[in-house]
Amino acid sequence: MDRAVIVGTFEFIGFSLCKHLLEQGCEIDGIHYNKEKEDALINEKRLAIGRNANFYEKNYSSWINSKREIIKNDVIFIDIYDLYIKNELASLREKELIEEFLIKNLDEFKDLQVKIAFLFPIQWLKDISRTHSSLEDAIDILRENNISVSCFYLPVIYGPWQPKEFSFHQALANIKRVKINEREWIHDAIFIEDLICFLSNCSDKLLGESCLLMSSVTGHWQKCADYLSLVYNKNWDSPDLAKGKVIEKAIVCSVKYSEGLEKQRSHILSIEIPDGL
């Protein structure tokens, strides 16, 4: 892959993917969402990228309302995972994304063999019929026009840069009252580096599939929670998901969960975290 567009480039997964692809020599158009409150760690992330001639940062509002350069074989990643977890889906401006980008550029996507990959939380499958039908309809239209659209449904992702909304981050940051967010999926977990490695490796051969990504380690979230001495209901059942034609894919765990968590702890200690993060 020579070039990618990452919508949500300063979100947890979007940023980790962006940094990895830049290290691979890929050219990146990094689109960052406009929010009422700017993430206090965005400048830290800019510093982590540094001066890189292959990185072009763009504001979401300006980008979605302007003529965008679309190049042959572009891969477009759209990170919705973080917005869901942080309850900031309004920042996506779904109607504009669908009408002004996805549908408006449909012919161009087809002619230039563009591939699109959505990064969703696993709960999206559960809420799909009620809450997210507009975006699902747009994905169907793109696929009907032979455009490669892949959807990846993710459990808890942990590691460096994990947001404060996650219980693992809170425990590692020594926050006194750890709260398990109702939007946190407690039935599985994947280490961020393993996820990014998978996404990077499959980006050139995206087949337009819908995939539920799962850890190769059974009880991964629970193992992490026990390591961090989190208190949780061990009898919580995994809710039914509207899987349909979704394919389950196991992500190989490259490091032990404890090592992954300690990497996250070291990262938290290495950056100056503002109050409340």
C-alpha atoms as a PDB file:
ATOM      1  CA  MET A   1       0.000   0.000   0.000  1.00  0.00           C
ATOM      2  CA  ASP A   2       1.454   3.349  -1.064  1.00  0.00           C
ATOM      3  CA  ARG A   3      -1.202   5.721   0.250  1.00  0.00           C
ATOM      4  CA  ALA A   4      -4.027   5.723   2.764  1.00  0.00           C
ATOM      5  CA  VAL A   5      -6.641   8.135   4.025  1.00  0.00           C
ATOM      6  CA  ILE A   6      -7.382   7.754   7.741  1.00  0.00           C
ATOM      7  CA  VAL A   7     -10.575   9.420   8.945  1.00  0.00           C
ATOM      8  CA  GLY A   8     -10.097   9.759  12.700  1.00  0.00           C
ATOM      9  CA  THR A   9      -6.326   9.990  12.497  1.00  0.00           C
ATOM     10  CA  PHE A  10      -5.938  11.160  16.109  1.00  0.00           C
ATOM     11  CA  GLU A  11      -8.331   8.608  17.586  1.00  0.00           C
ATOM     12  CA  PHE A  12      -6.888   5.601  19.441  1.00  0.00           C
ATOM     13  CA  ILE A  13      -6.952   3.092  16.591  1.00  0.00           C
ATOM     14  CA  GLY A  14      -6.678   5.649  13.791  1.00  0.00           C
ATOM     15  CA  PHE A  15      -3.540   7.156  15.316  1.00  0.00           C
ATOM     16  CA  SER A  16      -1.880   3.808  16.015  1.00  0.00           C
ATOM     17  CA  LEU A  17      -2.574   2.756  12.421  1.00  0.00           C
ATOM     18  CA  CYS A  18      -1.367   6.103  11.062  1.00  0.00           C
ATOM     19  CA  LYS A  19       1.932   5.920  12.956  1.00  0.00           C
ATOM     20  CA  HIS A  20       2.545   2.328  11.866  1.00  0.00           C
ATOM     21  CA  LEU A  21       1.843   3.014   8.182  1.00  0.00           C
ATOM     22  CA  LEU A  22       4.089   6.092   8.214  1.00  0.00           C
ATOM     23  CA  GLU A  23       6.879   3.914   9.588  1.00  0.00           C
ATOM     24  CA  GLN A  24       6.268   1.600   6.615  1.00  0.00           C
ATOM     25  CA  GLY A  25       6.818   4.538   4.236  1.00  0.00           C
ATOM     26  CA  CYS A  26       3.150   4.992   3.363  1.00  0.00           C
ATOM     27  CA  GLU A  27       1.757   8.418   2.448  1.00  0.00           C
ATOM     28  CA  ILE A  28      -1.105   9.401   4.769  1.00  0.00           C
ATOM     29  CA  ASP A  29      -3.921  11.923   4.540  1.00  0.00           C
ATOM     30  CA  GLY A  30      -4.821  12.181   8.218  1.00  0.00           C
ATOM     31  CA  ILE A  31      -8.317  13.548   8.801  1.00  0.00           C
ATOM     32  CA  HIS A  32      -9.100  14.525  12.376  1.00  0.00           C
ATOM     33  CA  TYR A  33     -12.625  14.943  13.702  1.00  0.00           C
ATOM     34  CA  ASN A  34     -13.875  18.305  14.933  1.00  0.00           C
ATOM     35  CA  LYS A  35     -15.101  18.054  18.491  1.00  0.00           C
ATOM     36  CA  GLU A  36     -16.537  20.497  20.992  1.00  0.00           C
ATOM     37  CA  LYS A  37     -13.604  19.702  23.271  1.00  0.00           C
ATOM     38  CA  GLU A  38     -10.224  19.053  21.670  1.00  0.00           C
ATOM     39  CA  ASP A  39      -8.503  15.926  22.945  1.00  0.00           C
ATOM     40  CA  ALA A  40      -5.761  17.154  25.280  1.00  0.00           C
ATOM     41  CA  LEU A  41      -3.397  14.513  23.913  1.00  0.00           C
ATOM     42  CA  ILE A  42      -3.578  15.556  20.255  1.00  0.00           C
ATOM     43  CA  ASN A  43      -0.411  17.642  20.511  1.00  0.00           C
ATOM     44  CA  GLU A  44       1.357  14.666  22.106  1.00  0.00           C
ATOM     45  CA  LYS A  45       0.300  12.614  19.099  1.00  0.00           C
ATOM     46  CA  ARG A  46       1.510  15.271  16.672  1.00  0.00           C
ATOM     47  CA  LEU A  47       4.880  15.223  18.431  1.00  0.00           C
ATOM     48  CA  ALA A  48       4.959  11.422  18.201  1.00  0.00           C
ATOM     49  CA  ILE A  49       4.539  11.670  14.417  1.00  0.00           C
ATOM     50  CA  GLY A  50       7.096  14.468  14.178  1.00  0.00           C
ATOM     51  CA  ARG A  51       7.991  16.226  10.947  1.00  0.00           C
ATOM     52  CA  ASN A  52       7.064  13.659   8.341  1.00  0.00           C
ATOM     53  CA  ALA A  53       6.820  14.647   4.688  1.00  0.00           C
ATOM     54  CA  ASN A  54       4.401  11.768   4.078  1.00  0.00           C
ATOM     55  CA  PHE A  55       1.809  13.001   6.600  1.00  0.00           C
ATOM     56  CA  TYR A  56      -0.830  15.529   5.581  1.00  0.00           C
ATOM     57  CA  GLU A  57      -3.117  16.558   8.441  1.00  0.00           C
ATOM     58  CA  LYS A  58      -6.567  17.797   7.480  1.00  0.00           C
ATOM     59  CA  ASN A  59      -9.532  19.101   9.436  1.00  0.00           C
ATOM     60  CA  TYR A  60     -12.684  16.975   9.045  1.00  0.00           C
ATOM     61  CA  SER A  61     -15.006  19.950   8.415  1.00  0.00           C
ATOM     62  CA  SER A  62     -12.769  21.389   5.701  1.00  0.00           C
ATOM     63  CA  TRP A  63     -12.084  17.981   4.184  1.00  0.00           C
ATOM     64  CA  ILE A  64     -15.709  16.819   3.959  1.00  0.00           C
ATOM     65  CA  ASN A  65     -16.858  20.089   2.371  1.00  0.00           C
ATOM     66  CA  SER A  66     -14.062  20.433  -0.182  1.00  0.00           C
ATOM     67  CA  LYS A  67     -13.022  18.601  -3.335  1.00  0.00           C
ATOM     68  CA  ARG A  68     -10.865  15.757  -2.121  1.00  0.00           C
ATOM     69  CA  GLU A  69      -8.016  14.239  -4.066  1.00  0.00           C
ATOM     70  CA  ILE A  70      -8.750  10.554  -4.593  1.00  0.00           C
ATOM     71  CA  ILE A  71      -5.929   8.524  -6.083  1.00  0.00           C
ATOM     72  CA  LYS A  72      -5.986   5.110  -7.750  1.00  0.00           C
ATOM     73  CA  ASN A  73      -5.805   2.226  -5.247  1.00  0.00           C
ATOM     74  CA  ASP A  74      -6.307   4.493  -2.223  1.00  0.00           C
ATOM     75  CA  VAL A  75      -7.246   2.681   0.974  1.00  0.00           C
ATOM     76  CA  ILE A  76      -9.633   4.697   3.157  1.00  0.00           C
ATOM     77  CA  PHE A  77      -9.910   3.766   6.837  1.00  0.00           C
ATOM     78  CA  ILE A  78     -12.835   5.249   8.785  1.00  0.00           C
ATOM     79  CA  ASP A  79     -12.381   4.904  12.562  1.00  0.00           C
ATOM     80  CA  ILE A  80     -15.787   4.912  14.235  1.00  0.00           C
ATOM     81  CA  TYR A  81     -14.746   2.646  17.124  1.00  0.00           C
ATOM     82  CA  ASP A  82     -13.395   5.436  19.319  1.00  0.00           C
ATOM     83  CA  LEU A  83     -16.351   7.754  18.744  1.00  0.00           C
ATOM     84  CA  TYR A  84     -18.745   5.049  19.930  1.00  0.00           C
ATOM     85  CA  ILE A  85     -16.743   4.231  23.060  1.00  0.00           C
ATOM     86  CA  LYS A  86     -16.458   7.920  23.997  1.00  0.00           C
ATOM     87  CA  ASN A  87     -20.106   8.617  23.104  1.00  0.00           C
ATOM     88  CA  GLU A  88     -19.034  11.161  20.475  1.00  0.00           C
ATOM     89  CA  LEU A  89     -20.778   9.768  17.390  1.00  0.00           C
ATOM     90  CA  ALA A  90     -22.122  13.246  16.606  1.00  0.00           C
ATOM     91  CA  SER A  91     -18.568  14.178  15.526  1.00  0.00           C
ATOM     92  CA  LEU A  92     -18.938  11.742  12.617  1.00  0.00           C
ATOM     93  CA  ARG A  93     -21.680  13.897  11.049  1.00  0.00           C
ATOM     94  CA  GLU A  94     -23.016  10.728   9.494  1.00  0.00           C
ATOM     95  CA  LYS A  95     -25.405  12.342   7.006  1.00  0.00           C
ATOM     96  CA  GLU A  96     -22.622  14.500   5.532  1.00  0.00           C
ATOM     97  CA  LEU A  97     -20.179  11.590   5.455  1.00  0.00           C
ATOM     98  CA  ILE A  98     -22.689   9.506   3.521  1.00  0.00           C
ATOM     99  CA  GLU A  99     -23.997  12.152   1.112  1.00  0.00           C
ATOM    100  CA  GLU A 100     -20.934  14.369   0.605  1.00  0.00           C
ATOM    101  CA  PHE A 101     -18.278  11.672   0.557  1.00  0.00           C
ATOM    102  CA  LEU A 102     -19.404   8.065   0.188  1.00  0.00           C
ATOM    103  CA  ILE A 103     -22.257   8.471  -2.318  1.00  0.00           C
ATOM    104  CA  LYS A 104     -20.972  11.601  -4.052  1.00  0.00           C
ATOM    105  CA  ASN A 105     -17.675   9.890  -4.949  1.00  0.00           C
ATOM    106  CA  LEU A 106     -19.167   6.487  -5.763  1.00  0.00           C
ATOM    107  CA  ASP A 107     -18.178   6.524  -9.462  1.00  0.00           C
ATOM    108  CA  GLU A 108     -14.689   7.765  -8.648  1.00  0.00           C
ATOM    109  CA  PHE A 109     -14.197   5.025  -6.040  1.00  0.00           C
ATOM    110  CA  LYS A 110     -15.192   2.457  -8.627  1.00  0.00           C
ATOM    111  CA  ASP A 111     -13.027   3.825 -11.451  1.00  0.00           C
ATOM    112  CA  LEU A 112      -9.949   4.200  -9.227  1.00  0.00           C
ATOM    113  CA  GLN A 113     -10.392   0.838  -7.452  1.00  0.00           C
ATOM    114  CA  VAL A 114     -10.497   2.472  -4.028  1.00  0.00           C
ATOM    115  CA  LYS A 115     -10.875   0.232  -0.989  1.00  0.00           C
ATOM    116  CA  ILE A 116     -12.766   1.370   2.123  1.00  0.00           C
ATOM    117  CA  ALA A 117     -12.452  -0.131   5.610  1.00  0.00           C
ATOM    118  CA  PHE A 118     -14.729   0.755   8.530  1.00  0.00           C
ATOM    119  CA  LEU A 119     -13.528   0.143  12.090  1.00  0.00           C
ATOM    120  CA  PHE A 120     -16.591  -0.468  14.265  1.00  0.00           C
ATOM    121  CA  PRO A 121     -17.058  -1.522  17.886  1.00  0.00           C
ATOM    122  CA  ILE A 122     -18.431  -5.040  18.183  1.00  0.00           C
ATOM    123  CA  GLN A 123     -21.619  -3.565  19.692  1.00  0.00           C
ATOM    124  CA  TRP A 124     -22.445  -2.096  16.280  1.00  0.00           C
ATOM    125  CA  LEU A 125     -23.682  -5.563  15.314  1.00  0.00           C
ATOM    126  CA  LYS A 126     -26.043  -5.522  18.266  1.00  0.00           C
ATOM    127  CA  ASP A 127     -27.424  -2.055  17.477  1.00  0.00           C
ATOM    128  CA  ILE A 128     -27.256  -2.299  13.696  1.00  0.00           C
ATOM    129  CA  SER A 129     -30.969  -2.408  12.856  1.00  0.00           C
ATOM    130  CA  ARG A 130     -32.038   0.349  15.211  1.00  0.00           C
ATOM    131  CA  THR A 131     -29.320   2.963  15.330  1.00  0.00           C
ATOM    132  CA  HIS A 132     -26.975   2.627  12.413  1.00  0.00           C
ATOM    133  CA  SER A 133     -29.197   1.803   9.451  1.00  0.00           C
ATOM    134  CA  SER A 134     -28.227   4.878   7.368  1.00  0.00           C
ATOM    135  CA  LEU A 135     -24.553   3.986   7.286  1.00  0.00           C
ATOM    136  CA  GLU A 136     -25.350   0.318   6.705  1.00  0.00           C
ATOM    137  CA  ASP A 137     -27.558   1.316   3.759  1.00  0.00           C
ATOM    138  CA  ALA A 138     -24.696   3.377   2.304  1.00  0.00           C
ATOM    139  CA  ILE A 139     -22.312   0.423   2.675  1.00  0.00           C
ATOM    140  CA  ASP A 140     -24.824  -1.787   0.843  1.00  0.00           C
ATOM    141  CA  ILE A 141     -25.050   0.743  -2.006  1.00  0.00           C
ATOM    142  CA  LEU A 142     -21.261   0.885  -2.333  1.00  0.00           C
ATOM    143  CA  ARG A 143     -20.999  -2.899  -2.397  1.00  0.00           C
ATOM    144  CA  GLU A 144     -23.801  -3.173  -4.955  1.00  0.00           C
ATOM    145  CA  ASN A 145     -21.655  -0.936  -7.167  1.00  0.00           C
ATOM    146  CA  ASN A 146     -18.688  -3.305  -6.820  1.00  0.00           C
ATOM    147  CA  ILE A 147     -16.711  -1.080  -4.464  1.00  0.00           C
ATOM    148  CA  SER A 148     -14.631  -2.962  -1.903  1.00  0.00           C
ATOM    149  CA  VAL A 149     -15.975  -2.076   1.555  1.00  0.00           C
ATOM    150  CA  SER A 150     -14.662  -4.034   4.528  1.00  0.00           C
ATOM    151  CA  CYS A 151     -16.179  -3.779   7.996  1.00  0.00           C
ATOM    152  CA  PHE A 152     -14.175  -4.827  11.048  1.00  0.00           C
ATOM    153  CA  TYR A 153     -16.023  -5.269  14.347  1.00  0.00           C
ATOM    154  CA  LEU A 154     -13.688  -4.940  17.330  1.00  0.00           C
ATOM    155  CA  PRO A 155     -13.836  -5.948  21.005  1.00  0.00           C
ATOM    156  CA  VAL A 156     -11.882  -3.993  23.651  1.00  0.00           C
ATOM    157  CA  ILE A 157      -8.571  -2.824  22.200  1.00  0.00           C
ATOM    158  CA  TYR A 158      -5.873  -2.004  24.743  1.00  0.00           C
ATOM    159  CA  GLY A 159      -2.307  -0.717  24.757  1.00  0.00           C
ATOM    160  CA  PRO A 160      -0.556   2.675  24.438  1.00  0.00           C
ATOM    161  CA  TRP A 161      -2.939   5.599  23.786  1.00  0.00           C
ATOM    162  CA  GLN A 162      -6.042   3.731  24.987  1.00  0.00           C
ATOM    163  CA  PRO A 163      -8.635   6.398  26.017  1.00  0.00           C
ATOM    164  CA  LYS A 164      -9.554   7.091  29.624  1.00  0.00           C
ATOM    165  CA  GLU A 165     -13.061   5.703  29.057  1.00  0.00           C
ATOM    166  CA  PHE A 166     -11.650   2.175  29.308  1.00  0.00           C
ATOM    167  CA  SER A 167     -11.330   0.439  32.661  1.00  0.00           C
ATOM    168  CA  PHE A 168      -7.823  -0.848  31.818  1.00  0.00           C
ATOM    169  CA  HIS A 169      -6.561   2.714  31.334  1.00  0.00           C
ATOM    170  CA  GLN A 170      -8.141   3.839  34.594  1.00  0.00           C
ATOM    171  CA  ALA A 171      -6.577   0.973  36.550  1.00  0.00           C
ATOM    172  CA  LEU A 172      -3.143   1.534  34.997  1.00  0.00           C
ATOM    173  CA  ALA A 173      -3.363   5.280  35.664  1.00  0.00           C
ATOM    174  CA  ASN A 174      -4.151   4.508  39.328  1.00  0.00           C
ATOM    175  CA  ILE A 175      -7.534   6.216  39.239  1.00  0.00           C
ATOM    176  CA  LYS A 176      -9.190   5.413  42.568  1.00  0.00           C
ATOM    177  CA  ARG A 177     -12.639   4.533  41.286  1.00  0.00           C
ATOM    178  CA  VAL A 178     -12.375   2.413  38.168  1.00  0.00           C
ATOM    179  CA  LYS A 179     -15.622   2.481  36.216  1.00  0.00           C
ATOM    180  CA  ILE A 180     -16.443  -0.126  33.594  1.00  0.00           C
ATOM    181  CA  ASN A 181     -18.151   1.898  30.870  1.00  0.00           C
ATOM    182  CA  GLU A 182     -21.465   0.434  29.698  1.00  0.00           C
ATOM    183  CA  ARG A 183     -20.042   0.755  26.174  1.00  0.00           C
ATOM    184  CA  GLU A 184     -17.004  -1.365  27.025  1.00  0.00           C
ATOM    185  CA  TRP A 185     -17.213  -4.901  25.627  1.00  0.00           C
ATOM    186  CA  ILE A 186     -16.057  -7.156  28.464  1.00  0.00           C
ATOM    187  CA  HIS A 187     -16.170 -10.442  26.563  1.00  0.00           C
ATOM    188  CA  ASP A 188     -12.914 -10.198  24.593  1.00  0.00           C
ATOM    189  CA  ALA A 189      -9.837  -8.011  24.087  1.00  0.00           C
ATOM    190  CA  ILE A 190      -7.039  -7.538  21.550  1.00  0.00           C
ATOM    191  CA  PHE A 191      -3.683  -5.789  22.034  1.00  0.00           C
ATOM    192  CA  ILE A 192      -3.379  -2.712  19.800  1.00  0.00           C
ATOM    193  CA  GLU A 193      -0.118  -3.783  18.124  1.00  0.00           C
ATOM    194  CA  ASP A 194      -1.655  -7.099  17.073  1.00  0.00           C
ATOM    195  CA  LEU A 195      -4.696  -5.337  15.616  1.00  0.00           C
ATOM    196  CA  ILE A 196      -2.577  -2.821  13.702  1.00  0.00           C
ATOM    197  CA  CYS A 197      -0.349  -5.574  12.338  1.00  0.00           C
ATOM    198  CA  PHE A 198      -3.447  -7.398  11.068  1.00  0.00           C
ATOM    199  CA  LEU A 199      -4.963  -4.274   9.474  1.00  0.00           C
ATOM    200  CA  SER A 200      -1.674  -3.329   7.838  1.00  0.00           C
ATOM    201  CA  ASN A 201      -1.087  -6.812   6.440  1.00  0.00           C
ATOM    202  CA  CYS A 202      -4.579  -7.153   5.001  1.00  0.00           C
ATOM    203  CA  SER A 203      -4.915  -3.606   3.629  1.00  0.00           C
ATOM    204  CA  ASP A 204      -3.657  -4.523   0.149  1.00  0.00           C
ATOM    205  CA  LYS A 205      -5.974  -7.504  -0.106  1.00  0.00           C
ATOM    206  CA  LEU A 206      -9.194  -6.187   1.419  1.00  0.00           C
ATOM    207  CA  LEU A 207     -11.951  -8.350  -0.035  1.00  0.00           C
ATOM    208  CA  GLY A 208     -14.970  -6.344   1.023  1.00  0.00           C
ATOM    209  CA  GLU A 209     -15.806  -8.714   3.869  1.00  0.00           C
ATOM    210  CA  SER A 210     -17.457  -8.065   7.212  1.00  0.00           C
ATOM    211  CA  CYS A 211     -15.270  -9.538   9.943  1.00  0.00           C
ATOM    212  CA  LEU A 212     -15.713  -9.917  13.679  1.00  0.00           C
ATOM    213  CA  LEU A 213     -12.186  -9.851  15.074  1.00  0.00           C
ATOM    214  CA  MET A 214     -11.503 -11.993  18.116  1.00  0.00           C
ATOM    215  CA  SER A 215      -8.445 -12.786  20.192  1.00  0.00           C
ATOM    216  CA  SER A 216      -6.675 -16.117  19.791  1.00  0.00           C
ATOM    217  CA  VAL A 217      -6.531 -16.160  23.609  1.00  0.00           C
ATOM    218  CA  THR A 218      -9.700 -17.431  25.309  1.00  0.00           C
ATOM    219  CA  GLY A 219     -10.985 -15.095  28.037  1.00  0.00           C
ATOM    220  CA  HIS A 220      -8.548 -12.350  27.024  1.00  0.00           C
ATOM    221  CA  TRP A 221     -10.496  -9.468  28.614  1.00  0.00           C
ATOM    222  CA  GLN A 222     -11.038 -11.401  31.842  1.00  0.00           C
ATOM    223  CA  LYS A 223      -7.333 -12.286  32.049  1.00  0.00           C
ATOM    224  CA  CYS A 224      -6.450  -8.596  31.711  1.00  0.00           C
ATOM    225  CA  ALA A 225      -9.091  -7.603  34.267  1.00  0.00           C
ATOM    226  CA  ASP A 226      -7.846 -10.181  36.772  1.00  0.00           C
ATOM    227  CA  TYR A 227      -4.245  -9.040  36.266  1.00  0.00           C
ATOM    228  CA  LEU A 228      -5.366  -5.486  37.093  1.00  0.00           C
ATOM    229  CA  SER A 229      -7.530  -6.698  40.024  1.00  0.00           C
ATOM    230  CA  LEU A 230     -10.675  -5.189  38.505  1.00  0.00           C
ATOM    231  CA  VAL A 231     -13.986  -5.983  40.136  1.00  0.00           C
ATOM    232  CA  TYR A 232     -16.551  -7.159  37.587  1.00  0.00           C
ATOM    233  CA  ASN A 233     -19.499  -9.513  37.298  1.00  0.00           C
ATOM    234  CA  LYS A 234     -18.037 -12.823  36.146  1.00  0.00           C
ATOM    235  CA  ASN A 235     -21.521 -14.079  35.299  1.00  0.00           C
ATOM    236  CA  TRP A 236     -22.163 -11.480  32.611  1.00  0.00           C
ATOM    237  CA  ASP A 237     -23.264 -13.326  29.498  1.00  0.00           C
ATOM    238  CA  SER A 238     -22.159 -12.275  26.057  1.00  0.00           C
ATOM    239  CA  PRO A 239     -25.208 -10.716  24.344  1.00  0.00           C
ATOM    240  CA  ASP A 240     -26.527 -12.052  21.068  1.00  0.00           C
ATOM    241  CA  LEU A 241     -25.147 -10.281  18.018  1.00  0.00           C
ATOM    242  CA  ALA A 242     -26.779  -9.855  14.612  1.00  0.00           C
ATOM    243  CA  LYS A 243     -23.833 -11.513  12.867  1.00  0.00           C
ATOM    244  CA  GLY A 244     -25.542 -12.369   9.588  1.00  0.00           C
ATOM    245  CA  LYS A 245     -22.774 -12.865   7.026  1.00  0.00           C
ATOM    246  CA  VAL A 246     -20.040 -11.645   9.365  1.00  0.00           C
ATOM    247  CA  ILE A 247     -16.913 -13.827   9.343  1.00  0.00           C
ATOM    248  CA  GLU A 248     -15.090 -14.484  12.617  1.00  0.00           C
ATOM    249  CA  LYS A 249     -11.312 -14.028  12.425  1.00  0.00           C
ATOM    250  CA  ALA A 250      -8.877 -14.762  15.247  1.00  0.00           C
ATOM    251  CA  ILE A 251      -6.064 -12.255  15.776  1.00  0.00           C
ATOM    252  CA  VAL A 252      -2.878 -13.964  16.929  1.00  0.00           C
ATOM    253  CA  CYS A 253      -1.617 -12.602  20.244  1.00  0.00           C
ATOM    254  CA  SER A 254       2.078 -11.686  19.854  1.00  0.00           C
ATOM    255  CA  VAL A 255       2.737 -10.837  23.502  1.00  0.00           C
ATOM    256  CA  LYS A 256       1.312 -12.058  26.770  1.00  0.00           C
ATOM    257  CA  TYR A 257      -1.580  -9.905  28.023  1.00  0.00           C
ATOM    258  CA  SER A 258       0.464  -8.837  31.066  1.00  0.00           C
ATOM    259  CA  GLU A 259       3.262  -7.554  28.806  1.00  0.00           C
ATOM    260  CA  GLY A 260       0.757  -5.610  26.726  1.00  0.00           C
ATOM    261  CA  LEU A 261      -0.720  -4.001  29.823  1.00  0.00           C
ATOM    262  CA  GLU A 262       2.736  -3.118  31.145  1.00  0.00           C
ATOM    263  CA  LYS A 263       3.529  -1.466  27.804  1.00  0.00           C
ATOM    264  CA  GLN A 264       0.398   0.607  28.279  1.00  0.00           C
ATOM    265  CA  ARG A 265       1.389   1.462  31.859  1.00  0.00           C
ATOM    266  CA  SER A 266       4.877   2.546  30.731  1.00  0.00           C
ATOM    267  CA  HIS A 267       3.351   4.747  28.054  1.00  0.00           C
ATOM    268  CA  ILE A 268       0.994   6.409  30.541  1.00  0.00           C
ATOM    269  CA  LEU A 269       3.980   7.183  32.781  1.00  0.00           C
ATOM    270  CA  SER A 270       6.075   8.458  29.869  1.00  0.00           C
ATOM    271  CA  ILE A 271       3.727  11.248  28.812  1.00  0.00           C
ATOM    272  CA  GLU A 272       2.514  14.190  30.803  1.00  0.00           C
ATOM    273  CA  ILE A 273      -1.154  13.352  31.259  1.00  0.00           C
ATOM    274  CA  PRO A 274      -3.376  16.376  31.942  1.00  0.00           C
ATOM    275  CA  ASP A 275      -5.720  16.318  34.915  1.00  0.00           C
ATOM    276  CA  GLY A 276      -8.723  14.087  34.394  1.00  0.00           C
ATOM    277  CA  LEU A 277      -7.136  11.883  31.726  1.00  0.00           C
END
